[in-house]
Amino acid sequence: MLTPDITIIHIIFVSISMACGLAAIYFWVKVYFETKRGSIAWLLLALTAIFLITTSIFPSIAISSQDTDITEMILLFMGFWSAVYTGIFAGAGILIFQAFETIPREKLGDFLIEGMVFTSSEEDNENIPEVEQISTLLSRSTLIEYTPKSRYEDSVIEISLRLYGEMVNTVLVSTQPRTAMYKEKIGDLMDIGAMKFIEISTTCKEVSNEDGIIKLPDDELDKFFELTSKLPKGCAVIFEPITQLLIAEGEQKCYEFMSEMAERFATSELLLIGMINKAAHDEQTISRIEGLFLNLAEEEGAKIRLIKGGKEEYIRFYVGEKFYMEPDVEVILE
């Protein structure tokens, strides 16, 4: 039993705890609704206040009660209550850790305040395009230059998902082992008919279709134009293996192939996006390939910077690996 003086002091502290806890619940819930689609962390803080209030009230009941059953029940409840809240905070920690891995560091503050709805100043909006503007930025032929240390595979995935979100049919041309990686990451787009994969292969002997991926022998590149001859107007073609072709086929043959591709796609009003490893070739070779494209871009960390074809623009990596799709888009490729 507590002495009268200790009881009075305890009641004062419990009263302060309840008042502050109720205020905390009120304000954190208000913060959550003010941020609308903000982080659920704000609601977790409100729940924390409830837990802190109970930790000051229930022990006092347990101490003052003479009934052993009531005391045991309160102790069991407190143990259960503690397990629930530590589990919630463990889950919150996982969510925040994933945010650090998938959200640009400079946007983490915006994520906590507004969830995935990022805002920016009017000045920033002039330089950084909205998601709906990506197909407009790449509406002409674009060459994206990368280095061995850059995240160019992420660029391919990001652009593919962005184009799907804008209802733009896409054909991705690649080589192994990246074809397998792309199929793992964005193969759902291929399954629903929103995207087609063409693999330039060194092992197959004739054009074939294996698991939905069109295999094109590297010694029959001329058939590439037969495969793409019936693509609908506005379709995007992401051609990744320019560097591999330069090394395997030689500069002149690769240049002639890319030149014909640029000309054919421009006539058919197709969107051509090429990828080249700038560090793997000399300046003269890079310059020749650059001359085939109207826009030039380069990777800079978690974004793509357009450096030619208009004012400087950026395409930031926002989409990530998880996304939702509606199976109502079809691309024609024969």
C-alpha atoms as a PDB file:
ATOM      1  CA  MET A   1       0.000   0.000   0.000  1.00  0.00           C
ATOM      2  CA  LEU A   2       1.106   3.547  -0.710  1.00  0.00           C
ATOM      3  CA  THR A   3       1.328   6.188   2.019  1.00  0.00           C
ATOM      4  CA  PRO A   4      -1.073   9.164   1.726  1.00  0.00           C
ATOM      5  CA  ASP A   5       1.727  11.539   0.678  1.00  0.00           C
ATOM      6  CA  ILE A   6       3.048   9.168  -1.969  1.00  0.00           C
ATOM      7  CA  THR A   7      -0.501   8.567  -3.186  1.00  0.00           C
ATOM      8  CA  ILE A   8      -1.109  12.310  -3.669  1.00  0.00           C
ATOM      9  CA  ILE A   9       2.164  12.727  -5.569  1.00  0.00           C
ATOM     10  CA  HIS A  10       1.358   9.693  -7.695  1.00  0.00           C
ATOM     11  CA  ILE A  11      -2.116  11.066  -8.497  1.00  0.00           C
ATOM     12  CA  ILE A  12      -0.546  14.378  -9.579  1.00  0.00           C
ATOM     13  CA  PHE A  13       1.885  12.617 -11.918  1.00  0.00           C
ATOM     14  CA  VAL A  14      -0.858  10.368 -13.328  1.00  0.00           C
ATOM     15  CA  SER A  15      -3.051  13.431 -13.954  1.00  0.00           C
ATOM     16  CA  ILE A  16      -0.220  15.185 -15.778  1.00  0.00           C
ATOM     17  CA  SER A  17       0.417  12.016 -17.790  1.00  0.00           C
ATOM     18  CA  MET A  18      -3.252  11.739 -18.792  1.00  0.00           C
ATOM     19  CA  ALA A  19      -3.491  15.425 -19.756  1.00  0.00           C
ATOM     20  CA  CYS A  20      -0.298  15.323 -21.824  1.00  0.00           C
ATOM     21  CA  GLY A  21      -1.246  11.972 -23.335  1.00  0.00           C
ATOM     22  CA  LEU A  22      -4.661  13.216 -24.438  1.00  0.00           C
ATOM     23  CA  ALA A  23      -3.055  16.348 -25.894  1.00  0.00           C
ATOM     24  CA  ALA A  24      -0.500  14.188 -27.729  1.00  0.00           C
ATOM     25  CA  ILE A  25      -3.237  11.982 -29.176  1.00  0.00           C
ATOM     26  CA  TYR A  26      -5.202  15.031 -30.329  1.00  0.00           C
ATOM     27  CA  PHE A  27      -2.261  16.799 -31.965  1.00  0.00           C
ATOM     28  CA  TRP A  28      -0.710  13.736 -33.647  1.00  0.00           C
ATOM     29  CA  VAL A  29      -4.075  12.719 -35.098  1.00  0.00           C
ATOM     30  CA  LYS A  30      -4.507  16.311 -36.330  1.00  0.00           C
ATOM     31  CA  VAL A  31      -1.041  16.139 -37.910  1.00  0.00           C
ATOM     32  CA  TYR A  32      -1.978  12.928 -39.720  1.00  0.00           C
ATOM     33  CA  PHE A  33      -5.158  14.445 -41.155  1.00  0.00           C
ATOM     34  CA  GLU A  34      -3.373  17.684 -42.048  1.00  0.00           C
ATOM     35  CA  THR A  35      -0.781  15.743 -44.060  1.00  0.00           C
ATOM     36  CA  LYS A  36      -3.610  13.700 -45.656  1.00  0.00           C
ATOM     37  CA  ARG A  37      -1.643  10.938 -47.396  1.00  0.00           C
ATOM     38  CA  GLY A  38       1.347  11.388 -45.144  1.00  0.00           C
ATOM     39  CA  SER A  39       3.256   8.716 -43.295  1.00  0.00           C
ATOM     40  CA  ILE A  40       1.341   6.409 -40.951  1.00  0.00           C
ATOM     41  CA  ALA A  41       4.119   7.176 -38.444  1.00  0.00           C
ATOM     42  CA  TRP A  42       1.962  10.032 -37.155  1.00  0.00           C
ATOM     43  CA  LEU A  43      -0.811   7.618 -36.149  1.00  0.00           C
ATOM     44  CA  LEU A  44       1.773   5.394 -34.491  1.00  0.00           C
ATOM     45  CA  LEU A  45       2.805   8.352 -32.358  1.00  0.00           C
ATOM     46  CA  ALA A  46      -0.832   8.842 -31.341  1.00  0.00           C
ATOM     47  CA  LEU A  47      -1.011   5.171 -30.340  1.00  0.00           C
ATOM     48  CA  THR A  48       2.181   5.638 -28.373  1.00  0.00           C
ATOM     49  CA  ALA A  49       0.463   8.292 -26.270  1.00  0.00           C
ATOM     50  CA  ILE A  50      -2.330   5.831 -25.440  1.00  0.00           C
ATOM     51  CA  PHE A  51       0.238   3.260 -24.362  1.00  0.00           C
ATOM     52  CA  LEU A  52       2.093   5.761 -22.175  1.00  0.00           C
ATOM     53  CA  ILE A  53      -1.135   6.766 -20.423  1.00  0.00           C
ATOM     54  CA  THR A  54      -1.968   3.142 -19.613  1.00  0.00           C
ATOM     55  CA  THR A  55       1.536   2.464 -18.278  1.00  0.00           C
ATOM     56  CA  SER A  56       0.971   5.112 -15.595  1.00  0.00           C
ATOM     57  CA  ILE A  57      -2.581   4.094 -14.674  1.00  0.00           C
ATOM     58  CA  PHE A  58      -2.619   0.291 -14.625  1.00  0.00           C
ATOM     59  CA  PRO A  59       0.425  -0.209 -12.359  1.00  0.00           C
ATOM     60  CA  SER A  60      -1.170   2.059  -9.740  1.00  0.00           C
ATOM     61  CA  ILE A  61      -4.339  -0.054  -9.881  1.00  0.00           C
ATOM     62  CA  ALA A  62      -2.289  -3.215  -9.512  1.00  0.00           C
ATOM     63  CA  ILE A  63      -0.436  -1.845  -6.470  1.00  0.00           C
ATOM     64  CA  SER A  64      -3.546  -0.530  -4.707  1.00  0.00           C
ATOM     65  CA  SER A  65      -5.649  -3.627  -5.392  1.00  0.00           C
ATOM     66  CA  GLN A  66      -5.793  -6.356  -2.728  1.00  0.00           C
ATOM     67  CA  ASP A  67      -7.167  -8.897  -5.193  1.00  0.00           C
ATOM     68  CA  THR A  68      -4.421 -11.162  -6.513  1.00  0.00           C
ATOM     69  CA  ASP A  69      -6.460 -12.131  -9.596  1.00  0.00           C
ATOM     70  CA  ILE A  70      -6.902  -8.477 -10.608  1.00  0.00           C
ATOM     71  CA  THR A  71      -3.200  -7.805 -10.116  1.00  0.00           C
ATOM     72  CA  GLU A  72      -2.231 -10.809 -12.241  1.00  0.00           C
ATOM     73  CA  MET A  73      -4.716  -9.831 -14.957  1.00  0.00           C
ATOM     74  CA  ILE A  74      -3.294  -6.293 -15.099  1.00  0.00           C
ATOM     75  CA  LEU A  75       0.272  -7.600 -15.295  1.00  0.00           C
ATOM     76  CA  LEU A  76      -0.674  -9.988 -18.123  1.00  0.00           C
ATOM     77  CA  PHE A  77      -2.482  -7.181 -19.936  1.00  0.00           C
ATOM     78  CA  MET A  78       0.542  -4.896 -19.595  1.00  0.00           C
ATOM     79  CA  GLY A  79       2.791  -7.612 -21.003  1.00  0.00           C
ATOM     80  CA  PHE A  80       0.440  -8.182 -23.938  1.00  0.00           C
ATOM     81  CA  TRP A  81       0.056  -4.411 -24.467  1.00  0.00           C
ATOM     82  CA  SER A  82       3.845  -4.030 -24.530  1.00  0.00           C
ATOM     83  CA  ALA A  83       4.219  -6.836 -27.089  1.00  0.00           C
ATOM     84  CA  VAL A  84       1.606  -5.219 -29.356  1.00  0.00           C
ATOM     85  CA  TYR A  85       3.299  -1.837 -29.346  1.00  0.00           C
ATOM     86  CA  THR A  86       6.842  -3.116 -29.764  1.00  0.00           C
ATOM     87  CA  GLY A  87       5.568  -5.156 -32.731  1.00  0.00           C
ATOM     88  CA  ILE A  88       3.990  -2.030 -34.234  1.00  0.00           C
ATOM     89  CA  PHE A  89       7.219  -0.094 -33.873  1.00  0.00           C
ATOM     90  CA  ALA A  90       9.217  -2.947 -35.389  1.00  0.00           C
ATOM     91  CA  GLY A  91       6.908  -2.777 -38.415  1.00  0.00           C
ATOM     92  CA  ALA A  92       7.302   0.987 -38.560  1.00  0.00           C
ATOM     93  CA  GLY A  93      11.073   0.545 -38.511  1.00  0.00           C
ATOM     94  CA  ILE A  94      10.874  -1.824 -41.483  1.00  0.00           C
ATOM     95  CA  LEU A  95       8.749   0.690 -43.429  1.00  0.00           C
ATOM     96  CA  ILE A  96      11.152   3.545 -42.735  1.00  0.00           C
ATOM     97  CA  PHE A  97      14.148   1.356 -43.661  1.00  0.00           C
ATOM     98  CA  GLN A  98      12.490   0.467 -46.973  1.00  0.00           C
ATOM     99  CA  ALA A  99      11.843   4.164 -47.554  1.00  0.00           C
ATOM    100  CA  PHE A 100      15.571   4.852 -47.219  1.00  0.00           C
ATOM    101  CA  GLU A 101      16.251   2.208 -49.888  1.00  0.00           C
ATOM    102  CA  THR A 102      13.553   3.195 -52.408  1.00  0.00           C
ATOM    103  CA  ILE A 103      13.023   6.951 -51.936  1.00  0.00           C
ATOM    104  CA  PRO A 104      15.618   9.595 -52.856  1.00  0.00           C
ATOM    105  CA  ARG A 105      17.299  10.919 -49.713  1.00  0.00           C
ATOM    106  CA  GLU A 106      16.362  14.482 -50.555  1.00  0.00           C
ATOM    107  CA  LYS A 107      12.695  13.419 -50.648  1.00  0.00           C
ATOM    108  CA  LEU A 108      12.518  11.550 -47.325  1.00  0.00           C
ATOM    109  CA  GLY A 109      11.191  14.628 -45.546  1.00  0.00           C
ATOM    110  CA  ASP A 110       8.460  14.975 -48.161  1.00  0.00           C
ATOM    111  CA  PHE A 111       7.654  11.286 -47.749  1.00  0.00           C
ATOM    112  CA  LEU A 112       7.023  11.705 -44.002  1.00  0.00           C
ATOM    113  CA  ILE A 113       4.894  14.794 -44.542  1.00  0.00           C
ATOM    114  CA  GLU A 114       3.046  13.901 -47.740  1.00  0.00           C
ATOM    115  CA  GLY A 115       3.640  10.224 -48.393  1.00  0.00           C
ATOM    116  CA  MET A 116       4.461   9.673 -52.066  1.00  0.00           C
ATOM    117  CA  VAL A 117       2.829  12.959 -53.145  1.00  0.00           C
ATOM    118  CA  PHE A 118       5.875  15.173 -53.551  1.00  0.00           C
ATOM    119  CA  THR A 119       5.522  18.927 -53.883  1.00  0.00           C
ATOM    120  CA  SER A 120       8.040  21.438 -55.112  1.00  0.00           C
ATOM    121  CA  SER A 121       8.359  25.141 -55.639  1.00  0.00           C
ATOM    122  CA  GLU A 122       7.285  26.835 -58.858  1.00  0.00           C
ATOM    123  CA  GLU A 123      10.944  27.317 -59.716  1.00  0.00           C
ATOM    124  CA  ASP A 124      11.613  23.591 -59.333  1.00  0.00           C
ATOM    125  CA  ASN A 125       8.554  22.763 -61.435  1.00  0.00           C
ATOM    126  CA  GLU A 126      10.078  24.660 -64.323  1.00  0.00           C
ATOM    127  CA  ASN A 127      13.084  22.341 -64.400  1.00  0.00           C
ATOM    128  CA  ILE A 128      11.739  19.012 -63.133  1.00  0.00           C
ATOM    129  CA  PRO A 129       8.969  17.464 -65.251  1.00  0.00           C
ATOM    130  CA  GLU A 130       5.823  15.941 -63.840  1.00  0.00           C
ATOM    131  CA  VAL A 131       5.286  12.220 -64.423  1.00  0.00           C
ATOM    132  CA  GLU A 132       2.860  12.984 -67.266  1.00  0.00           C
ATOM    133  CA  GLN A 133       5.616  14.854 -69.131  1.00  0.00           C
ATOM    134  CA  ILE A 134       8.081  11.978 -69.489  1.00  0.00           C
ATOM    135  CA  SER A 135       6.834  10.807 -72.884  1.00  0.00           C
ATOM    136  CA  THR A 136       6.909  14.438 -74.023  1.00  0.00           C
ATOM    137  CA  LEU A 137      10.530  14.824 -72.935  1.00  0.00           C
ATOM    138  CA  LEU A 138      11.424  11.687 -74.882  1.00  0.00           C
ATOM    139  CA  SER A 139       9.074  12.417 -77.793  1.00  0.00           C
ATOM    140  CA  ARG A 140      12.063  12.575 -80.137  1.00  0.00           C
ATOM    141  CA  SER A 141      14.979  10.154 -80.375  1.00  0.00           C
ATOM    142  CA  THR A 142      17.085  10.199 -77.219  1.00  0.00           C
ATOM    143  CA  LEU A 143      20.508   8.699 -76.460  1.00  0.00           C
ATOM    144  CA  ILE A 144      21.171   8.050 -72.755  1.00  0.00           C
ATOM    145  CA  GLU A 145      24.862   7.824 -71.872  1.00  0.00           C
ATOM    146  CA  TYR A 146      25.922   5.879 -68.800  1.00  0.00           C
ATOM    147  CA  THR A 147      29.076   4.576 -67.129  1.00  0.00           C
ATOM    148  CA  PRO A 148      29.824   1.099 -65.734  1.00  0.00           C
ATOM    149  CA  LYS A 149      29.169   2.413 -62.207  1.00  0.00           C
ATOM    150  CA  SER A 150      25.820   4.043 -62.980  1.00  0.00           C
ATOM    151  CA  ARG A 151      22.357   2.544 -62.485  1.00  0.00           C
ATOM    152  CA  TYR A 152      21.454   2.251 -66.144  1.00  0.00           C
ATOM    153  CA  GLU A 153      19.392  -0.913 -65.610  1.00  0.00           C
ATOM    154  CA  ASP A 154      17.293   1.127 -63.179  1.00  0.00           C
ATOM    155  CA  SER A 155      16.928   3.757 -65.909  1.00  0.00           C
ATOM    156  CA  VAL A 156      15.500   1.160 -68.281  1.00  0.00           C
ATOM    157  CA  ILE A 157      13.065  -0.087 -65.632  1.00  0.00           C
ATOM    158  CA  GLU A 158      12.069   3.445 -64.617  1.00  0.00           C
ATOM    159  CA  ILE A 159      11.411   4.579 -68.193  1.00  0.00           C
ATOM    160  CA  SER A 160       9.475   1.388 -68.986  1.00  0.00           C
ATOM    161  CA  LEU A 161       7.191   1.837 -65.989  1.00  0.00           C
ATOM    162  CA  ARG A 162       6.721   5.547 -66.669  1.00  0.00           C
ATOM    163  CA  LEU A 163       5.796   4.855 -70.290  1.00  0.00           C
ATOM    164  CA  TYR A 164       3.342   2.169 -69.192  1.00  0.00           C
ATOM    165  CA  GLY A 165       1.770   4.669 -66.800  1.00  0.00           C
ATOM    166  CA  GLU A 166       1.295   7.038 -69.721  1.00  0.00           C
ATOM    167  CA  MET A 167      -0.287   4.272 -71.845  1.00  0.00           C
ATOM    168  CA  VAL A 168       2.657   4.159 -74.261  1.00  0.00           C
ATOM    169  CA  ASN A 169       3.332   0.709 -75.731  1.00  0.00           C
ATOM    170  CA  THR A 170       6.987  -0.220 -75.372  1.00  0.00           C
ATOM    171  CA  VAL A 171       9.479  -2.625 -76.942  1.00  0.00           C
ATOM    172  CA  LEU A 172      12.648  -3.340 -74.964  1.00  0.00           C
ATOM    173  CA  VAL A 173      15.670  -4.610 -76.898  1.00  0.00           C
ATOM    174  CA  SER A 174      18.422  -6.122 -74.775  1.00  0.00           C
ATOM    175  CA  THR A 175      20.880  -8.994 -74.387  1.00  0.00           C
ATOM    176  CA  GLN A 176      21.546 -11.606 -71.752  1.00  0.00           C
ATOM    177  CA  PRO A 177      21.972 -11.562 -68.794  1.00  0.00           C
ATOM    178  CA  ARG A 178      20.025  -8.312 -68.531  1.00  0.00           C
ATOM    179  CA  THR A 179      17.024  -9.678 -70.437  1.00  0.00           C
ATOM    180  CA  ALA A 180      16.430 -12.182 -67.634  1.00  0.00           C
ATOM    181  CA  MET A 181      16.720  -9.428 -65.031  1.00  0.00           C
ATOM    182  CA  TYR A 182      14.268  -7.174 -66.876  1.00  0.00           C
ATOM    183  CA  LYS A 183      11.817 -10.040 -67.226  1.00  0.00           C
ATOM    184  CA  GLU A 184      11.995 -10.607 -63.477  1.00  0.00           C
ATOM    185  CA  LYS A 185      11.481  -6.925 -62.669  1.00  0.00           C
ATOM    186  CA  ILE A 186       8.949  -5.838 -65.305  1.00  0.00           C
ATOM    187  CA  GLY A 187       7.852  -9.118 -66.850  1.00  0.00           C
ATOM    188  CA  ASP A 188       4.266  -8.434 -65.748  1.00  0.00           C
ATOM    189  CA  LEU A 189       4.094  -5.741 -68.426  1.00  0.00           C
ATOM    190  CA  MET A 190       4.983  -8.367 -71.011  1.00  0.00           C
ATOM    191  CA  ASP A 191       2.410 -10.796 -69.603  1.00  0.00           C
ATOM    192  CA  ILE A 192      -0.446  -8.305 -70.047  1.00  0.00           C
ATOM    193  CA  GLY A 193       0.654  -7.262 -73.540  1.00  0.00           C
ATOM    194  CA  ALA A 194       1.787  -3.743 -72.632  1.00  0.00           C
ATOM    195  CA  MET A 195       5.408  -4.467 -73.488  1.00  0.00           C
ATOM    196  CA  LYS A 196       7.469  -6.732 -75.732  1.00  0.00           C
ATOM    197  CA  PHE A 197      11.018  -7.994 -75.219  1.00  0.00           C
ATOM    198  CA  ILE A 198      13.468  -8.592 -78.069  1.00  0.00           C
ATOM    199  CA  GLU A 199      16.731 -10.306 -77.162  1.00  0.00           C
ATOM    200  CA  ILE A 200      19.703 -10.106 -79.514  1.00  0.00           C
ATOM    201  CA  SER A 201      21.210 -13.532 -78.951  1.00  0.00           C
ATOM    202  CA  THR A 202      24.565 -15.086 -79.778  1.00  0.00           C
ATOM    203  CA  THR A 203      23.291 -18.633 -79.258  1.00  0.00           C
ATOM    204  CA  CYS A 204      20.040 -18.935 -81.217  1.00  0.00           C
ATOM    205  CA  LYS A 205      20.185 -19.752 -84.931  1.00  0.00           C
ATOM    206  CA  GLU A 206      16.870 -18.288 -86.086  1.00  0.00           C
ATOM    207  CA  VAL A 207      14.187 -15.879 -84.943  1.00  0.00           C
ATOM    208  CA  SER A 208      12.090 -17.575 -82.275  1.00  0.00           C
ATOM    209  CA  ASN A 209       9.748 -16.845 -79.390  1.00  0.00           C
ATOM    210  CA  GLU A 210      10.782 -18.341 -76.056  1.00  0.00           C
ATOM    211  CA  ASP A 211       8.650 -17.642 -72.984  1.00  0.00           C
ATOM    212  CA  GLY A 212       7.308 -14.496 -74.596  1.00  0.00           C
ATOM    213  CA  ILE A 213      10.772 -13.132 -75.455  1.00  0.00           C
ATOM    214  CA  ILE A 214      11.557 -12.762 -79.162  1.00  0.00           C
ATOM    215  CA  LYS A 215      15.050 -14.131 -79.840  1.00  0.00           C
ATOM    216  CA  LEU A 216      16.936 -12.476 -82.705  1.00  0.00           C
ATOM    217  CA  PRO A 217      20.270 -13.999 -83.840  1.00  0.00           C
ATOM    218  CA  ASP A 218      23.072 -11.444 -83.764  1.00  0.00           C
ATOM    219  CA  ASP A 219      24.048 -12.385 -87.324  1.00  0.00           C
ATOM    220  CA  GLU A 220      20.550 -11.557 -88.637  1.00  0.00           C
ATOM    221  CA  LEU A 221      20.167  -7.986 -87.420  1.00  0.00           C
ATOM    222  CA  ASP A 222      18.447  -6.989 -90.663  1.00  0.00           C
ATOM    223  CA  LYS A 223      15.396  -8.962 -89.491  1.00  0.00           C
ATOM    224  CA  PHE A 224      15.041  -6.507 -86.610  1.00  0.00           C
ATOM    225  CA  PHE A 225      13.308  -4.102 -88.971  1.00  0.00           C
ATOM    226  CA  GLU A 226      10.881  -6.821 -90.052  1.00  0.00           C
ATOM    227  CA  LEU A 227       9.985  -7.401 -86.405  1.00  0.00           C
ATOM    228  CA  THR A 228       9.360  -3.709 -85.781  1.00  0.00           C
ATOM    229  CA  SER A 229       7.811  -2.772 -89.133  1.00  0.00           C
ATOM    230  CA  LYS A 230       4.222  -2.955 -87.861  1.00  0.00           C
ATOM    231  CA  LEU A 231       4.635  -1.155 -84.557  1.00  0.00           C
ATOM    232  CA  PRO A 232       1.859   1.399 -84.009  1.00  0.00           C
ATOM    233  CA  LYS A 233       2.548   5.116 -84.214  1.00  0.00           C
ATOM    234  CA  GLY A 234       3.794   6.510 -80.908  1.00  0.00           C
ATOM    235  CA  CYS A 235       5.220   3.202 -79.694  1.00  0.00           C
ATOM    236  CA  ALA A 236       8.503   3.453 -77.772  1.00  0.00           C
ATOM    237  CA  VAL A 237      11.563   1.320 -78.517  1.00  0.00           C
ATOM    238  CA  ILE A 238      14.230   1.157 -75.811  1.00  0.00           C
ATOM    239  CA  PHE A 239      17.391  -0.101 -77.520  1.00  0.00           C
ATOM    240  CA  GLU A 240      19.890  -0.962 -74.810  1.00  0.00           C
ATOM    241  CA  PRO A 241      22.745  -2.977 -76.425  1.00  0.00           C
ATOM    242  CA  ILE A 242      24.455  -0.272 -78.534  1.00  0.00           C
ATOM    243  CA  THR A 243      27.760  -0.827 -76.740  1.00  0.00           C
ATOM    244  CA  GLN A 244      27.538  -4.601 -77.207  1.00  0.00           C
ATOM    245  CA  LEU A 245      26.923  -4.139 -80.943  1.00  0.00           C
ATOM    246  CA  LEU A 246      29.826  -1.710 -81.290  1.00  0.00           C
ATOM    247  CA  ILE A 247      32.154  -4.240 -79.689  1.00  0.00           C
ATOM    248  CA  ALA A 248      30.786  -7.363 -81.394  1.00  0.00           C
ATOM    249  CA  GLU A 249      29.949  -6.029 -84.871  1.00  0.00           C
ATOM    250  CA  GLY A 250      32.389  -3.162 -85.223  1.00  0.00           C
ATOM    251  CA  GLU A 251      31.822   0.569 -85.395  1.00  0.00           C
ATOM    252  CA  GLN A 252      30.884   0.856 -89.063  1.00  0.00           C
ATOM    253  CA  LYS A 253      28.327  -1.960 -89.135  1.00  0.00           C
ATOM    254  CA  CYS A 254      26.781  -0.802 -85.861  1.00  0.00           C
ATOM    255  CA  TYR A 255      26.632   2.796 -87.102  1.00  0.00           C
ATOM    256  CA  GLU A 256      24.892   1.773 -90.323  1.00  0.00           C
ATOM    257  CA  PHE A 257      22.401  -0.337 -88.361  1.00  0.00           C
ATOM    258  CA  MET A 258      21.645   2.468 -85.875  1.00  0.00           C
ATOM    259  CA  SER A 259      21.421   5.025 -88.674  1.00  0.00           C
ATOM    260  CA  GLU A 260      18.824   2.944 -90.503  1.00  0.00           C
ATOM    261  CA  MET A 261      16.936   2.422 -87.252  1.00  0.00           C
ATOM    262  CA  ALA A 262      16.852   6.158 -86.493  1.00  0.00           C
ATOM    263  CA  GLU A 263      15.629   6.946 -90.005  1.00  0.00           C
ATOM    264  CA  ARG A 264      12.956   4.231 -90.083  1.00  0.00           C
ATOM    265  CA  PHE A 265      11.630   5.052 -86.615  1.00  0.00           C
ATOM    266  CA  ALA A 266      11.506   8.785 -87.362  1.00  0.00           C
ATOM    267  CA  THR A 267       9.470   8.076 -90.497  1.00  0.00           C
ATOM    268  CA  SER A 268       7.120   5.764 -88.564  1.00  0.00           C
ATOM    269  CA  GLU A 269       6.868   8.296 -85.697  1.00  0.00           C
ATOM    270  CA  LEU A 270       8.225   5.840 -83.154  1.00  0.00           C
ATOM    271  CA  LEU A 271       9.968   6.973 -79.988  1.00  0.00           C
ATOM    272  CA  LEU A 272      13.588   5.725 -79.961  1.00  0.00           C
ATOM    273  CA  ILE A 273      15.574   5.585 -76.715  1.00  0.00           C
ATOM    274  CA  GLY A 274      19.150   4.331 -77.035  1.00  0.00           C
ATOM    275  CA  MET A 275      21.595   3.400 -74.259  1.00  0.00           C
ATOM    276  CA  ILE A 276      25.392   3.553 -74.590  1.00  0.00           C
ATOM    277  CA  ASN A 277      28.322   3.039 -72.215  1.00  0.00           C
ATOM    278  CA  LYS A 278      30.250   6.266 -72.713  1.00  0.00           C
ATOM    279  CA  ALA A 279      33.359   4.976 -70.955  1.00  0.00           C
ATOM    280  CA  ALA A 280      33.705   1.989 -73.297  1.00  0.00           C
ATOM    281  CA  HIS A 281      34.340   3.963 -76.512  1.00  0.00           C
ATOM    282  CA  ASP A 282      36.524   6.778 -77.786  1.00  0.00           C
ATOM    283  CA  GLU A 283      35.173  10.277 -78.338  1.00  0.00           C
ATOM    284  CA  GLN A 284      34.958   9.894 -82.110  1.00  0.00           C
ATOM    285  CA  THR A 285      32.774   6.792 -81.845  1.00  0.00           C
ATOM    286  CA  ILE A 286      30.551   8.412 -79.228  1.00  0.00           C
ATOM    287  CA  SER A 287      30.188  11.529 -81.378  1.00  0.00           C
ATOM    288  CA  ARG A 288      29.099   9.502 -84.415  1.00  0.00           C
ATOM    289  CA  ILE A 289      26.408   7.702 -82.433  1.00  0.00           C
ATOM    290  CA  GLU A 290      25.313  10.945 -80.754  1.00  0.00           C
ATOM    291  CA  GLY A 291      24.766  12.474 -84.171  1.00  0.00           C
ATOM    292  CA  LEU A 292      21.994   9.969 -84.873  1.00  0.00           C
ATOM    293  CA  PHE A 293      19.863  11.219 -81.976  1.00  0.00           C
ATOM    294  CA  LEU A 294      18.085  14.539 -81.467  1.00  0.00           C
ATOM    295  CA  ASN A 295      18.257  14.435 -77.661  1.00  0.00           C
ATOM    296  CA  LEU A 296      21.198  13.508 -75.452  1.00  0.00           C
ATOM    297  CA  ALA A 297      20.954  12.515 -71.804  1.00  0.00           C
ATOM    298  CA  GLU A 298      23.252  11.160 -69.124  1.00  0.00           C
ATOM    299  CA  GLU A 299      22.776   9.398 -65.821  1.00  0.00           C
ATOM    300  CA  GLU A 300      23.507  11.280 -62.610  1.00  0.00           C
ATOM    301  CA  GLY A 301      22.942   9.107 -59.566  1.00  0.00           C
ATOM    302  CA  ALA A 302      19.206   8.564 -59.116  1.00  0.00           C
ATOM    303  CA  LYS A 303      18.157  10.645 -62.110  1.00  0.00           C
ATOM    304  CA  ILE A 304      18.601  11.106 -65.844  1.00  0.00           C
ATOM    305  CA  ARG A 305      19.659  14.560 -67.043  1.00  0.00           C
ATOM    306  CA  LEU A 306      18.732  15.661 -70.559  1.00  0.00           C
ATOM    307  CA  ILE A 307      21.623  17.781 -71.819  1.00  0.00           C
ATOM    308  CA  LYS A 308      20.628  18.451 -75.435  1.00  0.00           C
ATOM    309  CA  GLY A 309      17.401  19.065 -77.301  1.00  0.00           C
ATOM    310  CA  GLY A 310      16.022  21.949 -75.223  1.00  0.00           C
ATOM    311  CA  LYS A 311      16.452  23.345 -71.749  1.00  0.00           C
ATOM    312  CA  GLU A 312      17.979  21.072 -69.134  1.00  0.00           C
ATOM    313  CA  GLU A 313      15.463  18.569 -67.764  1.00  0.00           C
ATOM    314  CA  TYR A 314      15.557  15.721 -65.251  1.00  0.00           C
ATOM    315  CA  ILE A 315      13.879  12.336 -65.017  1.00  0.00           C
ATOM    316  CA  ARG A 316      14.089  11.159 -61.413  1.00  0.00           C
ATOM    317  CA  PHE A 317      13.802   7.552 -60.265  1.00  0.00           C
ATOM    318  CA  TYR A 318      10.465   7.506 -58.406  1.00  0.00           C
ATOM    319  CA  VAL A 319       8.526   4.460 -59.492  1.00  0.00           C
ATOM    320  CA  GLY A 320      10.560   1.681 -57.841  1.00  0.00           C
ATOM    321  CA  GLU A 321       9.991  -2.048 -58.105  1.00  0.00           C
ATOM    322  CA  LYS A 322       6.390  -2.297 -56.829  1.00  0.00           C
ATOM    323  CA  PHE A 323       3.500  -0.970 -58.878  1.00  0.00           C
ATOM    324  CA  TYR A 324      -0.076  -1.774 -59.852  1.00  0.00           C
ATOM    325  CA  MET A 325      -1.250  -2.566 -63.370  1.00  0.00           C
ATOM    326  CA  GLU A 326      -4.536  -2.893 -65.215  1.00  0.00           C
ATOM    327  CA  PRO A 327      -4.605  -5.626 -67.898  1.00  0.00           C
ATOM    328  CA  ASP A 328      -6.172  -3.555 -70.652  1.00  0.00           C
ATOM    329  CA  VAL A 329      -3.223  -2.463 -72.782  1.00  0.00           C
ATOM    330  CA  GLU A 330      -2.058  -4.301 -75.890  1.00  0.00           C
ATOM    331  CA  VAL A 331       0.923  -3.786 -78.165  1.00  0.00           C
ATOM    332  CA  ILE A 332       1.091  -5.155 -81.707  1.00  0.00           C
ATOM    333  CA  LEU A 333       4.339  -6.835 -82.711  1.00  0.00           C
ATOM    334  CA  GLU A 334       4.588  -9.425 -85.414  1.00  0.00           C
END
